[in-house]
mmCIF file of all heavy atoms, coordinates in Angstrom:
data_MODEL
# 
_entry.id   MODEL 
# 
loop_
_atom_site.group_PDB 
_atom_site.id 
_atom_site.type_symbol 
_atom_site.label_atom_id 
_atom_site.label_alt_id 
_atom_site.label_comp_id 
_atom_site.label_asym_id 
_atom_site.label_entity_id 
_atom_site.label_seq_id 
_atom_site.pdbx_PDB_ins_code 
_atom_site.Cartn_x 
_atom_site.Cartn_y 
_atom_site.Cartn_z 
_atom_site.occupancy 
_atom_site.B_iso_or_equiv 
_atom_site.pdbx_formal_charge 
_atom_site.auth_seq_id 
_atom_site.auth_comp_id 
_atom_site.auth_asym_id 
_atom_site.auth_atom_id 
_atom_site.pdbx_PDB_model_num 
ATOM 1   N N   . TYR A 1 1  ? -16.400 10.559 3.173  1.00 0.00 ? 1  TYR A N   1 
ATOM 2   C CA  . TYR A 1 1  ? -14.933 10.515 2.925  1.00 0.00 ? 1  TYR A CA  1 
ATOM 3   C C   . TYR A 1 1  ? -14.186 10.936 4.219  1.00 0.00 ? 1  TYR A C   1 
ATOM 4   O O   . TYR A 1 1  ? -13.191 10.347 4.422  1.00 0.00 ? 1  TYR A O   1 
ATOM 5   C CB  . TYR A 1 1  ? -14.543 11.353 1.714  1.00 0.00 ? 1  TYR A CB  1 
ATOM 6   C CG  . TYR A 1 1  ? -14.839 10.738 0.373  1.00 0.00 ? 1  TYR A CG  1 
ATOM 7   C CD1 . TYR A 1 1  ? -15.881 11.204 -0.494 1.00 0.00 ? 1  TYR A CD1 1 
ATOM 8   C CD2 . TYR A 1 1  ? -14.233 9.560  -0.056 1.00 0.00 ? 1  TYR A CD2 1 
ATOM 9   C CE1 . TYR A 1 1  ? -16.155 10.591 -1.658 1.00 0.00 ? 1  TYR A CE1 1 
ATOM 10  C CE2 . TYR A 1 1  ? -14.478 8.992  -1.226 1.00 0.00 ? 1  TYR A CE2 1 
ATOM 11  C CZ  . TYR A 1 1  ? -15.404 9.479  -2.044 1.00 0.00 ? 1  TYR A CZ  1 
ATOM 12  O OH  . TYR A 1 1  ? -15.747 8.960  -3.280 1.00 0.00 ? 1  TYR A OH  1 
ATOM 13  N N   . GLN A 1 2  ? -14.701 11.922 4.901  1.00 0.00 ? 2  GLN A N   1 
ATOM 14  C CA  . GLN A 1 2  ? -14.016 12.359 6.144  1.00 0.00 ? 2  GLN A CA  1 
ATOM 15  C C   . GLN A 1 2  ? -13.963 11.240 7.120  1.00 0.00 ? 2  GLN A C   1 
ATOM 16  O O   . GLN A 1 2  ? -12.893 11.028 7.754  1.00 0.00 ? 2  GLN A O   1 
ATOM 17  C CB  . GLN A 1 2  ? -14.703 13.617 6.701  1.00 0.00 ? 2  GLN A CB  1 
ATOM 18  C CG  . GLN A 1 2  ? -13.860 14.302 7.740  1.00 0.00 ? 2  GLN A CG  1 
ATOM 19  C CD  . GLN A 1 2  ? -12.574 14.767 7.197  1.00 0.00 ? 2  GLN A CD  1 
ATOM 20  O OE1 . GLN A 1 2  ? -12.467 15.533 6.235  1.00 0.00 ? 2  GLN A OE1 1 
ATOM 21  N NE2 . GLN A 1 2  ? -11.455 14.313 7.803  1.00 0.00 ? 2  GLN A NE2 1 
ATOM 22  N N   . GLU A 1 3  ? -15.080 10.485 7.278  1.00 0.00 ? 3  GLU A N   1 
ATOM 23  C CA  . GLU A 1 3  ? -15.012 9.347  8.241  1.00 0.00 ? 3  GLU A CA  1 
ATOM 24  C C   . GLU A 1 3  ? -14.136 8.279  7.729  1.00 0.00 ? 3  GLU A C   1 
ATOM 25  O O   . GLU A 1 3  ? -13.394 7.695  8.584  1.00 0.00 ? 3  GLU A O   1 
ATOM 26  C CB  . GLU A 1 3  ? -16.468 8.753  8.304  1.00 0.00 ? 3  GLU A CB  1 
ATOM 27  C CG  . GLU A 1 3  ? -17.504 9.601  9.013  1.00 0.00 ? 3  GLU A CG  1 
ATOM 28  C CD  . GLU A 1 3  ? -18.851 9.046  9.009  1.00 0.00 ? 3  GLU A CD  1 
ATOM 29  O OE1 . GLU A 1 3  ? -19.285 8.559  7.900  1.00 0.00 ? 3  GLU A OE1 1 
ATOM 30  O OE2 . GLU A 1 3  ? -19.601 9.084  10.051 1.00 0.00 ? 3  GLU A OE2 1 
ATOM 31  N N   . TYR A 1 4  ? -14.125 8.025  6.427  1.00 0.00 ? 4  TYR A N   1 
ATOM 32  C CA  . TYR A 1 4  ? -13.191 7.061  5.891  1.00 0.00 ? 4  TYR A CA  1 
ATOM 33  C C   . TYR A 1 4  ? -11.699 7.402  6.230  1.00 0.00 ? 4  TYR A C   1 
ATOM 34  O O   . TYR A 1 4  ? -10.904 6.564  6.611  1.00 0.00 ? 4  TYR A O   1 
ATOM 35  C CB  . TYR A 1 4  ? -13.394 6.981  4.353  1.00 0.00 ? 4  TYR A CB  1 
ATOM 36  C CG  . TYR A 1 4  ? -12.546 5.872  3.729  1.00 0.00 ? 4  TYR A CG  1 
ATOM 37  C CD1 . TYR A 1 4  ? -13.015 4.561  3.564  1.00 0.00 ? 4  TYR A CD1 1 
ATOM 38  C CD2 . TYR A 1 4  ? -11.276 6.136  3.283  1.00 0.00 ? 4  TYR A CD2 1 
ATOM 39  C CE1 . TYR A 1 4  ? -12.181 3.617  2.988  1.00 0.00 ? 4  TYR A CE1 1 
ATOM 40  C CE2 . TYR A 1 4  ? -10.447 5.169  2.648  1.00 0.00 ? 4  TYR A CE2 1 
ATOM 41  C CZ  . TYR A 1 4  ? -10.913 3.925  2.544  1.00 0.00 ? 4  TYR A CZ  1 
ATOM 42  O OH  . TYR A 1 4  ? -10.144 2.947  1.968  1.00 0.00 ? 4  TYR A OH  1 
ATOM 43  N N   . LEU A 1 5  ? -11.351 8.664  6.005  1.00 0.00 ? 5  LEU A N   1 
ATOM 44  C CA  . LEU A 1 5  ? -10.030 9.154  6.218  1.00 0.00 ? 5  LEU A CA  1 
ATOM 45  C C   . LEU A 1 5  ? -9.640  9.077  7.677  1.00 0.00 ? 5  LEU A C   1 
ATOM 46  O O   . LEU A 1 5  ? -8.581  8.703  8.160  1.00 0.00 ? 5  LEU A O   1 
ATOM 47  C CB  . LEU A 1 5  ? -9.830  10.553 5.646  1.00 0.00 ? 5  LEU A CB  1 
ATOM 48  C CG  . LEU A 1 5  ? -9.906  10.637 4.113  1.00 0.00 ? 5  LEU A CG  1 
ATOM 49  C CD1 . LEU A 1 5  ? -10.005 12.061 3.683  1.00 0.00 ? 5  LEU A CD1 1 
ATOM 50  C CD2 . LEU A 1 5  ? -8.707  9.991  3.476  1.00 0.00 ? 5  LEU A CD2 1 
ATOM 51  N N   . ASN A 1 6  ? -10.585 9.548  8.590  1.00 0.00 ? 6  ASN A N   1 
ATOM 52  C CA  . ASN A 1 6  ? -10.408 9.555  9.989  1.00 0.00 ? 6  ASN A CA  1 
ATOM 53  C C   . ASN A 1 6  ? -10.163 8.184  10.572 1.00 0.00 ? 6  ASN A C   1 
ATOM 54  O O   . ASN A 1 6  ? -9.410  8.028  11.510 1.00 0.00 ? 6  ASN A O   1 
ATOM 55  C CB  . ASN A 1 6  ? -11.570 10.199 10.791 1.00 0.00 ? 6  ASN A CB  1 
ATOM 56  C CG  . ASN A 1 6  ? -11.638 11.720 10.503 1.00 0.00 ? 6  ASN A CG  1 
ATOM 57  O OD1 . ASN A 1 6  ? -10.713 12.317 10.017 1.00 0.00 ? 6  ASN A OD1 1 
ATOM 58  N ND2 . ASN A 1 6  ? -12.758 12.356 10.757 1.00 0.00 ? 6  ASN A ND2 1 
ATOM 59  N N   . LYS A 1 7  ? -10.971 7.170  10.015 1.00 0.00 ? 7  LYS A N   1 
ATOM 60  C CA  . LYS A 1 7  ? -10.739 5.834  10.446 1.00 0.00 ? 7  LYS A CA  1 
ATOM 61  C C   . LYS A 1 7  ? -9.542  5.080  9.923  1.00 0.00 ? 7  LYS A C   1 
ATOM 62  O O   . LYS A 1 7  ? -9.220  3.931  10.254 1.00 0.00 ? 7  LYS A O   1 
ATOM 63  C CB  . LYS A 1 7  ? -12.088 5.016  10.195 1.00 0.00 ? 7  LYS A CB  1 
ATOM 64  C CG  . LYS A 1 7  ? -13.251 5.442  10.895 1.00 0.00 ? 7  LYS A CG  1 
ATOM 65  C CD  . LYS A 1 7  ? -14.503 4.721  10.444 1.00 0.00 ? 7  LYS A CD  1 
ATOM 66  C CE  . LYS A 1 7  ? -15.788 5.284  11.066 1.00 0.00 ? 7  LYS A CE  1 
ATOM 67  N NZ  . LYS A 1 7  ? -15.853 5.039  12.526 1.00 0.00 ? 7  LYS A NZ  1 
ATOM 68  N N   . ASN A 1 8  ? -8.865  5.692  8.923  1.00 0.00 ? 8  ASN A N   1 
ATOM 69  C CA  . ASN A 1 8  ? -7.690  5.203  8.296  1.00 0.00 ? 8  ASN A CA  1 
ATOM 70  C C   . ASN A 1 8  ? -7.980  3.871  7.689  1.00 0.00 ? 8  ASN A C   1 
ATOM 71  O O   . ASN A 1 8  ? -7.123  2.911  7.829  1.00 0.00 ? 8  ASN A O   1 
ATOM 72  C CB  . ASN A 1 8  ? -6.545  5.164  9.337  1.00 0.00 ? 8  ASN A CB  1 
ATOM 73  C CG  . ASN A 1 8  ? -5.241  5.038  8.612  1.00 0.00 ? 8  ASN A CG  1 
ATOM 74  O OD1 . ASN A 1 8  ? -4.985  5.580  7.467  1.00 0.00 ? 8  ASN A OD1 1 
ATOM 75  N ND2 . ASN A 1 8  ? -4.265  4.254  9.187  1.00 0.00 ? 8  ASN A ND2 1 
ATOM 76  N N   . LEU A 1 9  ? -9.068  3.643  7.009  1.00 0.00 ? 9  LEU A N   1 
ATOM 77  C CA  . LEU A 1 9  ? -9.443  2.461  6.355  1.00 0.00 ? 9  LEU A CA  1 
ATOM 78  C C   . LEU A 1 9  ? -8.608  2.226  5.108  1.00 0.00 ? 9  LEU A C   1 
ATOM 79  O O   . LEU A 1 9  ? -8.086  3.144  4.556  1.00 0.00 ? 9  LEU A O   1 
ATOM 80  C CB  . LEU A 1 9  ? -10.946 2.447  6.104  1.00 0.00 ? 9  LEU A CB  1 
ATOM 81  C CG  . LEU A 1 9  ? -11.840 2.601  7.313  1.00 0.00 ? 9  LEU A CG  1 
ATOM 82  C CD1 . LEU A 1 9  ? -13.254 2.759  6.841  1.00 0.00 ? 9  LEU A CD1 1 
ATOM 83  C CD2 . LEU A 1 9  ? -11.674 1.425  8.239  1.00 0.00 ? 9  LEU A CD2 1 
ATOM 84  N N   . CYS A 1 10 ? -8.562  0.978  4.690  1.00 0.00 ? 10 CYS A N   1 
ATOM 85  C CA  . CYS A 1 10 ? -7.596  0.712  3.560  1.00 0.00 ? 10 CYS A CA  1 
ATOM 86  C C   . CYS A 1 10 ? -8.339  -0.025 2.327  1.00 0.00 ? 10 CYS A C   1 
ATOM 87  O O   . CYS A 1 10 ? -7.613  -0.641 1.565  1.00 0.00 ? 10 CYS A O   1 
ATOM 88  C CB  . CYS A 1 10 ? -6.465  -0.135 4.077  1.00 0.00 ? 10 CYS A CB  1 
ATOM 89  S SG  . CYS A 1 10 ? -6.983  -1.713 4.802  1.00 0.00 ? 10 CYS A SG  1 
ATOM 90  N N   . ALA A 1 11 ? -9.651  0.061  2.233  1.00 0.00 ? 11 ALA A N   1 
ATOM 91  C CA  . ALA A 1 11 ? -10.306 -0.574 1.101  1.00 0.00 ? 11 ALA A CA  1 
ATOM 92  C C   . ALA A 1 11 ? -9.941  0.053  -0.238 1.00 0.00 ? 11 ALA A C   1 
ATOM 93  O O   . ALA A 1 11 ? -9.758  -0.569 -1.212 1.00 0.00 ? 11 ALA A O   1 
ATOM 94  C CB  . ALA A 1 11 ? -11.823 -0.579 1.278  1.00 0.00 ? 11 ALA A CB  1 
ATOM 95  N N   . ILE A 1 12 ? -9.801  1.398  -0.148 1.00 0.00 ? 12 ILE A N   1 
ATOM 96  C CA  . ILE A 1 12 ? -9.304  2.108  -1.308 1.00 0.00 ? 12 ILE A CA  1 
ATOM 97  C C   . ILE A 1 12 ? -8.142  3.025  -0.852 1.00 0.00 ? 12 ILE A C   1 
ATOM 98  O O   . ILE A 1 12 ? -8.051  3.394  0.337  1.00 0.00 ? 12 ILE A O   1 
ATOM 99  C CB  . ILE A 1 12 ? -10.396 2.968  -1.996 1.00 0.00 ? 12 ILE A CB  1 
ATOM 100 C CG1 . ILE A 1 12 ? -10.954 4.093  -1.120 1.00 0.00 ? 12 ILE A CG1 1 
ATOM 101 C CG2 . ILE A 1 12 ? -11.510 2.070  -2.506 1.00 0.00 ? 12 ILE A CG2 1 
ATOM 102 C CD1 . ILE A 1 12 ? -11.868 5.005  -1.796 1.00 0.00 ? 12 ILE A CD1 1 
ATOM 103 N N   . ASP A 1 13 ? -7.286  3.433  -1.763 1.00 0.00 ? 13 ASP A N   1 
ATOM 104 C CA  . ASP A 1 13 ? -6.185  4.218  -1.437 1.00 0.00 ? 13 ASP A CA  1 
ATOM 105 C C   . ASP A 1 13 ? -6.643  5.551  -0.842 1.00 0.00 ? 13 ASP A C   1 
ATOM 106 O O   . ASP A 1 13 ? -7.544  6.193  -1.283 1.00 0.00 ? 13 ASP A O   1 
ATOM 107 C CB  . ASP A 1 13 ? -5.421  4.503  -2.759 1.00 0.00 ? 13 ASP A CB  1 
ATOM 108 C CG  . ASP A 1 13 ? -4.100  5.290  -2.514 1.00 0.00 ? 13 ASP A CG  1 
ATOM 109 O OD1 . ASP A 1 13 ? -3.111  4.614  -2.235 1.00 0.00 ? 13 ASP A OD1 1 
ATOM 110 O OD2 . ASP A 1 13 ? -4.085  6.428  -2.680 1.00 0.00 ? 13 ASP A OD2 1 
ATOM 111 N N   . LEU A 1 14 ? -5.841  5.971  0.271  1.00 0.00 ? 14 LEU A N   1 
ATOM 112 C CA  . LEU A 1 14 ? -6.284  7.205  0.946  1.00 0.00 ? 14 LEU A CA  1 
ATOM 113 C C   . LEU A 1 14 ? -6.103  8.448  0.052  1.00 0.00 ? 14 LEU A C   1 
ATOM 114 O O   . LEU A 1 14 ? -6.840  9.443  0.132  1.00 0.00 ? 14 LEU A O   1 
ATOM 115 C CB  . LEU A 1 14 ? -5.398  7.338  2.263  1.00 0.00 ? 14 LEU A CB  1 
ATOM 116 C CG  . LEU A 1 14 ? -5.667  6.353  3.290  1.00 0.00 ? 14 LEU A CG  1 
ATOM 117 C CD1 . LEU A 1 14 ? -4.801  6.569  4.517  1.00 0.00 ? 14 LEU A CD1 1 
ATOM 118 C CD2 . LEU A 1 14 ? -7.151  6.365  3.828  1.00 0.00 ? 14 LEU A CD2 1 
ATOM 119 N N   . THR A 1 15 ? -5.063  8.366  -0.817 1.00 0.00 ? 15 THR A N   1 
ATOM 120 C CA  . THR A 1 15 ? -4.946  9.486  -1.811 1.00 0.00 ? 15 THR A CA  1 
ATOM 121 C C   . THR A 1 15 ? -6.122  9.616  -2.721 1.00 0.00 ? 15 THR A C   1 
ATOM 122 O O   . THR A 1 15 ? -6.604  10.724 -2.963 1.00 0.00 ? 15 THR A O   1 
ATOM 123 C CB  . THR A 1 15 ? -3.687  9.338  -2.619 1.00 0.00 ? 15 THR A CB  1 
ATOM 124 O OG1 . THR A 1 15 ? -2.534  9.205  -1.743 1.00 0.00 ? 15 THR A OG1 1 
ATOM 125 C CG2 . THR A 1 15 ? -3.439  10.482 -3.570 1.00 0.00 ? 15 THR A CG2 1 
ATOM 126 N N   . ALA A 1 16 ? -6.658  8.473  -3.185 1.00 0.00 ? 16 ALA A N   1 
ATOM 127 C CA  . ALA A 1 16 ? -7.834  8.481  -4.001 1.00 0.00 ? 16 ALA A CA  1 
ATOM 128 C C   . ALA A 1 16 ? -9.048  8.963  -3.258 1.00 0.00 ? 16 ALA A C   1 
ATOM 129 O O   . ALA A 1 16 ? -9.839  9.768  -3.752 1.00 0.00 ? 16 ALA A O   1 
ATOM 130 C CB  . ALA A 1 16 ? -8.137  7.064  -4.543 1.00 0.00 ? 16 ALA A CB  1 
ATOM 131 N N   . ALA A 1 17 ? -9.209  8.495  -1.922 1.00 0.00 ? 17 ALA A N   1 
ATOM 132 C CA  . ALA A 1 17 ? -10.289 8.961  -1.166 1.00 0.00 ? 17 ALA A CA  1 
ATOM 133 C C   . ALA A 1 17 ? -10.312 10.447 -0.959 1.00 0.00 ? 17 ALA A C   1 
ATOM 134 O O   . ALA A 1 17 ? -11.264 11.177 -1.018 1.00 0.00 ? 17 ALA A O   1 
ATOM 135 C CB  . ALA A 1 17 ? -10.366 8.190  0.160  1.00 0.00 ? 17 ALA A CB  1 
ATOM 136 N N   . SER A 1 18 ? -9.135  11.045 -0.635 1.00 0.00 ? 18 SER A N   1 
ATOM 137 C CA  . SER A 1 18 ? -8.973  12.466 -0.461 1.00 0.00 ? 18 SER A CA  1 
ATOM 138 C C   . SER A 1 18 ? -9.337  13.241 -1.636 1.00 0.00 ? 18 SER A C   1 
ATOM 139 O O   . SER A 1 18 ? -9.958  14.213 -1.642 1.00 0.00 ? 18 SER A O   1 
ATOM 140 C CB  . SER A 1 18 ? -7.548  12.754 0.081  1.00 0.00 ? 18 SER A CB  1 
ATOM 141 O OG  . SER A 1 18 ? -7.407  14.145 0.259  1.00 0.00 ? 18 SER A OG  1 
ATOM 142 N N   . PHE A 1 19 ? -8.859  12.666 -2.833 1.00 0.00 ? 19 PHE A N   1 
ATOM 143 C CA  . PHE A 1 19 ? -9.147  13.376 -4.098 1.00 0.00 ? 19 PHE A CA  1 
ATOM 144 C C   . PHE A 1 19 ? -10.612 13.436 -4.346 1.00 0.00 ? 19 PHE A C   1 
ATOM 145 O O   . PHE A 1 19 ? -11.199 14.449 -4.810 1.00 0.00 ? 19 PHE A O   1 
ATOM 146 C CB  . PHE A 1 19 ? -8.415  12.684 -5.247 1.00 0.00 ? 19 PHE A CB  1 
ATOM 147 C CG  . PHE A 1 19 ? -8.551  13.302 -6.574 1.00 0.00 ? 19 PHE A CG  1 
ATOM 148 C CD1 . PHE A 1 19 ? -7.671  14.318 -7.039 1.00 0.00 ? 19 PHE A CD1 1 
ATOM 149 C CD2 . PHE A 1 19 ? -9.576  12.895 -7.439 1.00 0.00 ? 19 PHE A CD2 1 
ATOM 150 C CE1 . PHE A 1 19 ? -7.828  14.926 -8.221 1.00 0.00 ? 19 PHE A CE1 1 
ATOM 151 C CE2 . PHE A 1 19 ? -9.731  13.491 -8.678 1.00 0.00 ? 19 PHE A CE2 1 
ATOM 152 C CZ  . PHE A 1 19 ? -8.856  14.469 -9.040 1.00 0.00 ? 19 PHE A CZ  1 
ATOM 153 N N   . CYS A 1 20 ? -11.298 12.199 -4.161 1.00 0.00 ? 20 CYS A N   1 
ATOM 154 C CA  . CYS A 1 20 ? -12.763 12.198 -4.440 1.00 0.00 ? 20 CYS A CA  1 
ATOM 155 C C   . CYS A 1 20 ? -13.522 13.148 -3.515 1.00 0.00 ? 20 CYS A C   1 
ATOM 156 O O   . CYS A 1 20 ? -14.464 13.679 -3.876 1.00 0.00 ? 20 CYS A O   1 
ATOM 157 C CB  . CYS A 1 20 ? -13.214 10.770 -4.304 1.00 0.00 ? 20 CYS A CB  1 
ATOM 158 S SG  . CYS A 1 20 ? -12.727 9.632  -5.619 1.00 0.00 ? 20 CYS A SG  1 
ATOM 159 N N   . LYS A 1 21 ? -13.070 13.208 -2.261 1.00 0.00 ? 21 LYS A N   1 
ATOM 160 C CA  . LYS A 1 21 ? -13.664 14.082 -1.316 1.00 0.00 ? 21 LYS A CA  1 
ATOM 161 C C   . LYS A 1 21 ? -13.637 15.563 -1.790 1.00 0.00 ? 21 LYS A C   1 
ATOM 162 O O   . LYS A 1 21 ? -14.611 16.265 -1.785 1.00 0.00 ? 21 LYS A O   1 
ATOM 163 C CB  . LYS A 1 21 ? -12.997 13.981 0.034  1.00 0.00 ? 21 LYS A CB  1 
ATOM 164 C CG  . LYS A 1 21 ? -13.464 14.941 1.039  1.00 0.00 ? 21 LYS A CG  1 
ATOM 165 C CD  . LYS A 1 21 ? -12.634 14.750 2.403  1.00 0.00 ? 21 LYS A CD  1 
ATOM 166 C CE  . LYS A 1 21 ? -13.004 15.851 3.432  1.00 0.00 ? 21 LYS A CE  1 
ATOM 167 N NZ  . LYS A 1 21 ? -12.469 17.174 3.017  1.00 0.00 ? 21 LYS A NZ  1 
ATOM 168 N N   . ASP A 1 22 ? -12.445 15.963 -2.238 1.00 0.00 ? 22 ASP A N   1 
ATOM 169 C CA  . ASP A 1 22 ? -12.258 17.309 -2.724 1.00 0.00 ? 22 ASP A CA  1 
ATOM 170 C C   . ASP A 1 22 ? -13.120 17.632 -3.995 1.00 0.00 ? 22 ASP A C   1 
ATOM 171 O O   . ASP A 1 22 ? -13.402 18.814 -4.219 1.00 0.00 ? 22 ASP A O   1 
ATOM 172 C CB  . ASP A 1 22 ? -10.750 17.564 -2.950 1.00 0.00 ? 22 ASP A CB  1 
ATOM 173 C CG  . ASP A 1 22 ? -9.964  17.561 -1.704 1.00 0.00 ? 22 ASP A CG  1 
ATOM 174 O OD1 . ASP A 1 22 ? -10.575 17.749 -0.680 1.00 0.00 ? 22 ASP A OD1 1 
ATOM 175 O OD2 . ASP A 1 22 ? -8.721  17.446 -1.763 1.00 0.00 ? 22 ASP A OD2 1 
ATOM 176 N N   . ASN A 1 23 ? -13.347 16.599 -4.821 1.00 0.00 ? 23 ASN A N   1 
ATOM 177 C CA  . ASN A 1 23 ? -13.983 16.786 -6.081 1.00 0.00 ? 23 ASN A CA  1 
ATOM 178 C C   . ASN A 1 23 ? -15.384 16.345 -6.118 1.00 0.00 ? 23 ASN A C   1 
ATOM 179 O O   . ASN A 1 23 ? -16.097 16.287 -7.229 1.00 0.00 ? 23 ASN A O   1 
ATOM 180 C CB  . ASN A 1 23 ? -13.181 16.147 -7.180 1.00 0.00 ? 23 ASN A CB  1 
ATOM 181 C CG  . ASN A 1 23 ? -11.823 16.841 -7.504 1.00 0.00 ? 23 ASN A CG  1 
ATOM 182 O OD1 . ASN A 1 23 ? -11.835 17.861 -8.174 1.00 0.00 ? 23 ASN A OD1 1 
ATOM 183 N ND2 . ASN A 1 23 ? -10.813 16.373 -6.820 1.00 0.00 ? 23 ASN A ND2 1 
ATOM 184 N N   . GLY A 1 24 ? -15.933 15.801 -4.907 1.00 0.00 ? 24 GLY A N   1 
ATOM 185 C CA  . GLY A 1 24 ? -17.348 15.476 -4.845 1.00 0.00 ? 24 GLY A CA  1 
ATOM 186 C C   . GLY A 1 24 ? -17.794 14.238 -5.672 1.00 0.00 ? 24 GLY A C   1 
ATOM 187 O O   . GLY A 1 24 ? -18.868 14.301 -6.298 1.00 0.00 ? 24 GLY A O   1 
# 
């Protein structure tokens, strides 16, 4: 998820990606 957020990819919402990262 960190790589996904760092690359600013847009396949899924960044808010969703950050939430999933925090909750495993």
